[in-house]
């Protein structure tokens, strides 16, 4: 393992973290997409940074060796691919575990907000809404379920993800 391998692993980890981060921005676009009158230009202006960020993060996650080869010149010092693959699996699993726990706490927040909102309105003496599920809260809940699914995939399917990436690159794992 040399600097190129370590840089590639760090770039792949950065790409994975950025994918989750930019995916968490997507629910904020739901109210804009459902707003009347609909403005496609405003939606594009709000969505463009997220889309560009997702493309960049996907590139870092999919092709970290290409980027690290551009950053660090010279020949590889070590050709042991199994050690690099095991570090990548560990990194993907750690990212997945972190986001599983974050998703669980976010889901707890979303469901408790939806359940407790009408009760809080009643205690304040205000007419409660028919439901605690606002469009924003529904969007955030859906996004959190998507985040949880991706996090479980990273946690339980790290080897499969790496095999898929190697197959896309035309290499054996």
C-alpha atoms as a PDB file:
ATOM      1  CA  UNK A   1       0.000   0.000   0.000  1.00  0.00           C
ATOM      2  CA  UNK A   2       1.388   3.388  -0.968  1.00  0.00           C
ATOM      3  CA  UNK A   3       0.239   6.996  -1.164  1.00  0.00           C
ATOM      4  CA  UNK A   4      -1.751   6.399  -4.335  1.00  0.00           C
ATOM      5  CA  UNK A   5      -3.762   3.606  -2.729  1.00  0.00           C
ATOM      6  CA  UNK A   6      -4.376   5.592   0.435  1.00  0.00           C
ATOM      7  CA  UNK A   7      -5.382   8.646  -1.588  1.00  0.00           C
ATOM      8  CA  UNK A   8      -7.770   6.529  -3.667  1.00  0.00           C
ATOM      9  CA  UNK A   9      -9.377   5.106  -0.525  1.00  0.00           C
ATOM     10  CA  UNK A  10      -9.768   8.569   0.980  1.00  0.00           C
ATOM     11  CA  UNK A  11     -11.245   9.887  -2.276  1.00  0.00           C
ATOM     12  CA  UNK A  12     -13.695   6.975  -2.429  1.00  0.00           C
ATOM     13  CA  UNK A  13     -14.706   7.629   1.184  1.00  0.00           C
ATOM     14  CA  UNK A  14     -15.117  11.329   0.436  1.00  0.00           C
ATOM     15  CA  UNK A  15     -17.276  10.477  -2.571  1.00  0.00           C
ATOM     16  CA  UNK A  16     -19.505   8.223  -0.478  1.00  0.00           C
ATOM     17  CA  UNK A  17     -19.919  10.857   2.225  1.00  0.00           C
ATOM     18  CA  UNK A  18     -20.723  13.511  -0.381  1.00  0.00           C
ATOM     19  CA  UNK A  19     -23.328  11.248  -2.005  1.00  0.00           C
ATOM     20  CA  UNK A  20     -25.184  10.987   1.299  1.00  0.00           C
ATOM     21  CA  UNK A  21     -24.775  14.693   1.943  1.00  0.00           C
ATOM     22  CA  UNK A  22     -26.151  15.780  -1.418  1.00  0.00           C
ATOM     23  CA  UNK A  23     -28.973  13.231  -1.257  1.00  0.00           C
ATOM     24  CA  UNK A  24     -30.031  14.849   2.004  1.00  0.00           C
ATOM     25  CA  UNK A  25     -30.562  18.138   0.110  1.00  0.00           C
ATOM     26  CA  UNK A  26     -33.105  16.660  -2.302  1.00  0.00           C
ATOM     27  CA  UNK A  27     -36.180  16.826  -0.007  1.00  0.00           C
ATOM     28  CA  UNK A  28     -35.874  20.610   0.164  1.00  0.00           C
ATOM     29  CA  UNK A  29     -36.819  20.639  -3.539  1.00  0.00           C
ATOM     30  CA  UNK A  30     -40.216  18.969  -2.972  1.00  0.00           C
ATOM     31  CA  UNK A  31     -42.047  22.134  -1.806  1.00  0.00           C
ATOM     32  CA  UNK A  32     -40.561  24.040  -4.728  1.00  0.00           C
ATOM     33  CA  UNK A  33     -41.695  21.372  -7.197  1.00  0.00           C
ATOM     34  CA  UNK A  34     -45.250  21.402  -5.837  1.00  0.00           C
ATOM     35  CA  UNK A  35     -45.505  25.193  -5.478  1.00  0.00           C
ATOM     36  CA  UNK A  36     -48.127  26.921  -7.593  1.00  0.00           C
ATOM     37  CA  UNK A  37     -47.435  28.594  -9.953  1.00  0.00           C
ATOM     38  CA  UNK A  38     -44.706  26.183 -10.936  1.00  0.00           C
ATOM     39  CA  UNK A  39     -41.403  27.746 -11.940  1.00  0.00           C
ATOM     40  CA  UNK A  40     -39.094  25.337 -13.729  1.00  0.00           C
ATOM     41  CA  UNK A  41     -36.321  27.914 -13.824  1.00  0.00           C
ATOM     42  CA  UNK A  42     -36.430  28.395 -10.042  1.00  0.00           C
ATOM     43  CA  UNK A  43     -36.472  24.626  -9.501  1.00  0.00           C
ATOM     44  CA  UNK A  44     -33.492  24.217 -11.836  1.00  0.00           C
ATOM     45  CA  UNK A  45     -31.619  27.013 -10.043  1.00  0.00           C
ATOM     46  CA  UNK A  46     -32.210  25.307  -6.692  1.00  0.00           C
ATOM     47  CA  UNK A  47     -31.536  21.767  -7.955  1.00  0.00           C
ATOM     48  CA  UNK A  48     -28.448  22.492 -10.048  1.00  0.00           C
ATOM     49  CA  UNK A  49     -25.945  22.669  -7.139  1.00  0.00           C
ATOM     50  CA  UNK A  50     -27.263  19.385  -5.768  1.00  0.00           C
ATOM     51  CA  UNK A  51     -27.143  17.666  -9.157  1.00  0.00           C
ATOM     52  CA  UNK A  52     -23.621  18.924  -9.884  1.00  0.00           C
ATOM     53  CA  UNK A  53     -22.537  17.844  -6.403  1.00  0.00           C
ATOM     54  CA  UNK A  54     -24.038  14.365  -6.874  1.00  0.00           C
ATOM     55  CA  UNK A  55     -22.288  13.956 -10.223  1.00  0.00           C
ATOM     56  CA  UNK A  56     -18.971  15.052  -8.683  1.00  0.00           C
ATOM     57  CA  UNK A  57     -19.449  12.753  -5.678  1.00  0.00           C
ATOM     58  CA  UNK A  58     -20.382   9.853  -7.948  1.00  0.00           C
ATOM     59  CA  UNK A  59     -17.255  10.446 -10.026  1.00  0.00           C
ATOM     60  CA  UNK A  60     -15.055  10.492  -6.901  1.00  0.00           C
ATOM     61  CA  UNK A  61     -16.703   7.330  -5.613  1.00  0.00           C
ATOM     62  CA  UNK A  62     -16.509   5.469  -8.918  1.00  0.00           C
ATOM     63  CA  UNK A  63     -13.094   6.564 -10.173  1.00  0.00           C
ATOM     64  CA  UNK A  64     -10.883   7.396  -7.159  1.00  0.00           C
ATOM     65  CA  UNK A  65      -7.763   5.801  -8.671  1.00  0.00           C
ATOM     66  CA  UNK A  66      -7.996   8.011 -11.757  1.00  0.00           C
ATOM     67  CA  UNK A  67      -8.090  11.125  -9.601  1.00  0.00           C
ATOM     68  CA  UNK A  68      -5.299   9.924  -7.304  1.00  0.00           C
ATOM     69  CA  UNK A  69      -3.120   9.098 -10.336  1.00  0.00           C
ATOM     70  CA  UNK A  70      -3.551  12.695 -11.489  1.00  0.00           C
ATOM     71  CA  UNK A  71      -2.696  14.018  -8.027  1.00  0.00           C
ATOM     72  CA  UNK A  72       0.301  11.769  -7.296  1.00  0.00           C
ATOM     73  CA  UNK A  73       2.859  10.942  -9.978  1.00  0.00           C
ATOM     74  CA  UNK A  74       5.196   7.959 -10.093  1.00  0.00           C
ATOM     75  CA  UNK A  75       4.892   4.198 -10.059  1.00  0.00           C
ATOM     76  CA  UNK A  76       2.995   2.162  -7.502  1.00  0.00           C
ATOM     77  CA  UNK A  77       5.160   0.905  -4.686  1.00  0.00           C
ATOM     78  CA  UNK A  78       2.927  -1.999  -3.705  1.00  0.00           C
ATOM     79  CA  UNK A  79       0.788  -4.169  -5.966  1.00  0.00           C
ATOM     80  CA  UNK A  80      -1.182  -6.034  -3.273  1.00  0.00           C
ATOM     81  CA  UNK A  81      -4.808  -5.389  -4.222  1.00  0.00           C
ATOM     82  CA  UNK A  82      -6.349  -7.491  -1.431  1.00  0.00           C
ATOM     83  CA  UNK A  83      -5.173  -5.111   1.284  1.00  0.00           C
ATOM     84  CA  UNK A  84      -6.560  -2.107  -0.574  1.00  0.00           C
ATOM     85  CA  UNK A  85      -9.867  -3.889  -1.163  1.00  0.00           C
ATOM     86  CA  UNK A  86     -10.192  -4.788   2.515  1.00  0.00           C
ATOM     87  CA  UNK A  87      -9.595  -1.165   3.519  1.00  0.00           C
ATOM     88  CA  UNK A  88     -12.222  -0.037   1.025  1.00  0.00           C
ATOM     89  CA  UNK A  89     -14.713  -2.523   2.446  1.00  0.00           C
ATOM     90  CA  UNK A  90     -14.029  -1.282   5.966  1.00  0.00           C
ATOM     91  CA  UNK A  91     -14.456   2.340   4.885  1.00  0.00           C
ATOM     92  CA  UNK A  92     -17.755   1.624   3.111  1.00  0.00           C
ATOM     93  CA  UNK A  93     -19.093  -0.299   6.097  1.00  0.00           C
ATOM     94  CA  UNK A  94     -18.144   2.451   8.541  1.00  0.00           C
ATOM     95  CA  UNK A  95     -19.877   5.056   6.390  1.00  0.00           C
ATOM     96  CA  UNK A  96     -22.914   2.791   6.139  1.00  0.00           C
ATOM     97  CA  UNK A  97     -23.073   2.163   9.895  1.00  0.00           C
ATOM     98  CA  UNK A  98     -22.812   5.876  10.627  1.00  0.00           C
ATOM     99  CA  UNK A  99     -25.678   6.656   8.254  1.00  0.00           C
ATOM    100  CA  UNK A 100     -27.817   3.774   9.562  1.00  0.00           C
ATOM    101  CA  UNK A 101     -27.687   5.320  13.013  1.00  0.00           C
ATOM    102  CA  UNK A 102     -28.304   8.816  11.636  1.00  0.00           C
ATOM    103  CA  UNK A 103     -31.300   7.529   9.645  1.00  0.00           C
ATOM    104  CA  UNK A 104     -32.796   5.816  12.678  1.00  0.00           C
ATOM    105  CA  UNK A 105     -32.553   8.977  14.776  1.00  0.00           C
ATOM    106  CA  UNK A 106     -33.946  11.090  11.918  1.00  0.00           C
ATOM    107  CA  UNK A 107     -36.889   8.697  11.442  1.00  0.00           C
ATOM    108  CA  UNK A 108     -37.581   8.844  15.175  1.00  0.00           C
ATOM    109  CA  UNK A 109     -37.643  12.632  14.949  1.00  0.00           C
ATOM    110  CA  UNK A 110     -39.938  12.674  11.904  1.00  0.00           C
ATOM    111  CA  UNK A 111     -42.465  10.215  13.339  1.00  0.00           C
ATOM    112  CA  UNK A 112     -42.503  11.861  16.768  1.00  0.00           C
ATOM    113  CA  UNK A 113     -43.046  15.263  15.139  1.00  0.00           C
ATOM    114  CA  UNK A 114     -45.979  13.926  13.121  1.00  0.00           C
ATOM    115  CA  UNK A 115     -47.522  12.210  16.156  1.00  0.00           C
ATOM    116  CA  UNK A 116     -46.997  14.998  18.676  1.00  0.00           C
ATOM    117  CA  UNK A 117     -47.869  18.052  16.542  1.00  0.00           C
ATOM    118  CA  UNK A 118     -51.694  17.850  16.899  1.00  0.00           C
ATOM    119  CA  UNK A 119     -51.381  17.302  20.660  1.00  0.00           C
ATOM    120  CA  UNK A 120     -49.120  20.339  21.034  1.00  0.00           C
ATOM    121  CA  UNK A 121     -51.619  22.508  19.132  1.00  0.00           C
ATOM    122  CA  UNK A 122     -54.435  21.340  21.444  1.00  0.00           C
ATOM    123  CA  UNK A 123     -52.394  22.095  24.563  1.00  0.00           C
ATOM    124  CA  UNK A 124     -51.727  25.623  23.290  1.00  0.00           C
ATOM    125  CA  UNK A 125     -55.466  26.125  22.736  1.00  0.00           C
ATOM    126  CA  UNK A 126     -55.173  26.368  18.964  1.00  0.00           C
ATOM    127  CA  UNK A 127     -57.196  24.321  16.517  1.00  0.00           C
ATOM    128  CA  UNK A 128     -54.967  21.375  15.628  1.00  0.00           C
ATOM    129  CA  UNK A 129     -54.232  20.474  12.027  1.00  0.00           C
ATOM    130  CA  UNK A 130     -55.940  17.324  10.758  1.00  0.00           C
ATOM    131  CA  UNK A 131     -52.583  15.578  10.646  1.00  0.00           C
ATOM    132  CA  UNK A 132     -49.041  16.214  11.754  1.00  0.00           C
ATOM    133  CA  UNK A 133     -47.707  15.161   8.366  1.00  0.00           C
ATOM    134  CA  UNK A 134     -46.813  18.313   6.463  1.00  0.00           C
ATOM    135  CA  UNK A 135     -45.517  18.052   2.886  1.00  0.00           C
ATOM    136  CA  UNK A 136     -42.020  18.928   4.121  1.00  0.00           C
ATOM    137  CA  UNK A 137     -42.136  16.249   6.796  1.00  0.00           C
ATOM    138  CA  UNK A 138     -43.336  13.634   4.301  1.00  0.00           C
ATOM    139  CA  UNK A 139     -40.497  14.565   1.945  1.00  0.00           C
ATOM    140  CA  UNK A 140     -37.905  14.368   4.723  1.00  0.00           C
ATOM    141  CA  UNK A 141     -39.284  11.020   5.869  1.00  0.00           C
ATOM    142  CA  UNK A 142     -39.104   9.560   2.351  1.00  0.00           C
ATOM    143  CA  UNK A 143     -35.561  10.895   1.963  1.00  0.00           C
ATOM    144  CA  UNK A 144     -34.582   9.347   5.289  1.00  0.00           C
ATOM    145  CA  UNK A 145     -35.956   5.965   4.215  1.00  0.00           C
ATOM    146  CA  UNK A 146     -33.901   6.244   1.001  1.00  0.00           C
ATOM    147  CA  UNK A 147     -30.843   7.188   3.080  1.00  0.00           C
ATOM    148  CA  UNK A 148     -31.466   4.181   5.334  1.00  0.00           C
ATOM    149  CA  UNK A 149     -31.726   1.858   2.328  1.00  0.00           C
ATOM    150  CA  UNK A 150     -28.469   3.151   0.842  1.00  0.00           C
ATOM    151  CA  UNK A 151     -26.769   2.977   4.248  1.00  0.00           C
ATOM    152  CA  UNK A 152     -27.861  -0.645   4.698  1.00  0.00           C
ATOM    153  CA  UNK A 153     -26.569  -1.386   1.202  1.00  0.00           C
ATOM    154  CA  UNK A 154     -23.198   0.162   2.131  1.00  0.00           C
ATOM    155  CA  UNK A 155     -23.115  -1.774   5.406  1.00  0.00           C
ATOM    156  CA  UNK A 156     -24.280  -5.185   4.209  1.00  0.00           C
ATOM    157  CA  UNK A 157     -23.192  -5.085   0.570  1.00  0.00           C
ATOM    158  CA  UNK A 158     -19.758  -3.474   0.640  1.00  0.00           C
ATOM    159  CA  UNK A 159     -18.136  -6.409  -1.174  1.00  0.00           C
ATOM    160  CA  UNK A 160     -20.821  -6.359  -3.845  1.00  0.00           C
ATOM    161  CA  UNK A 161     -20.392  -2.621  -4.334  1.00  0.00           C
ATOM    162  CA  UNK A 162     -16.654  -3.058  -4.817  1.00  0.00           C
ATOM    163  CA  UNK A 163     -17.200  -5.982  -7.233  1.00  0.00           C
ATOM    164  CA  UNK A 164     -19.659  -3.845  -9.195  1.00  0.00           C
ATOM    165  CA  UNK A 165     -17.188  -0.969  -9.385  1.00  0.00           C
ATOM    166  CA  UNK A 166     -14.405  -3.301 -10.483  1.00  0.00           C
ATOM    167  CA  UNK A 167     -16.681  -4.784 -13.152  1.00  0.00           C
ATOM    168  CA  UNK A 168     -17.574  -1.284 -14.383  1.00  0.00           C
ATOM    169  CA  UNK A 169     -13.861  -0.513 -14.606  1.00  0.00           C
ATOM    170  CA  UNK A 170     -13.220  -3.804 -16.427  1.00  0.00           C
ATOM    171  CA  UNK A 171     -11.088  -5.376 -13.696  1.00  0.00           C
ATOM    172  CA  UNK A 172     -11.389  -8.500 -11.589  1.00  0.00           C
ATOM    173  CA  UNK A 173     -11.927  -8.306  -7.830  1.00  0.00           C
END
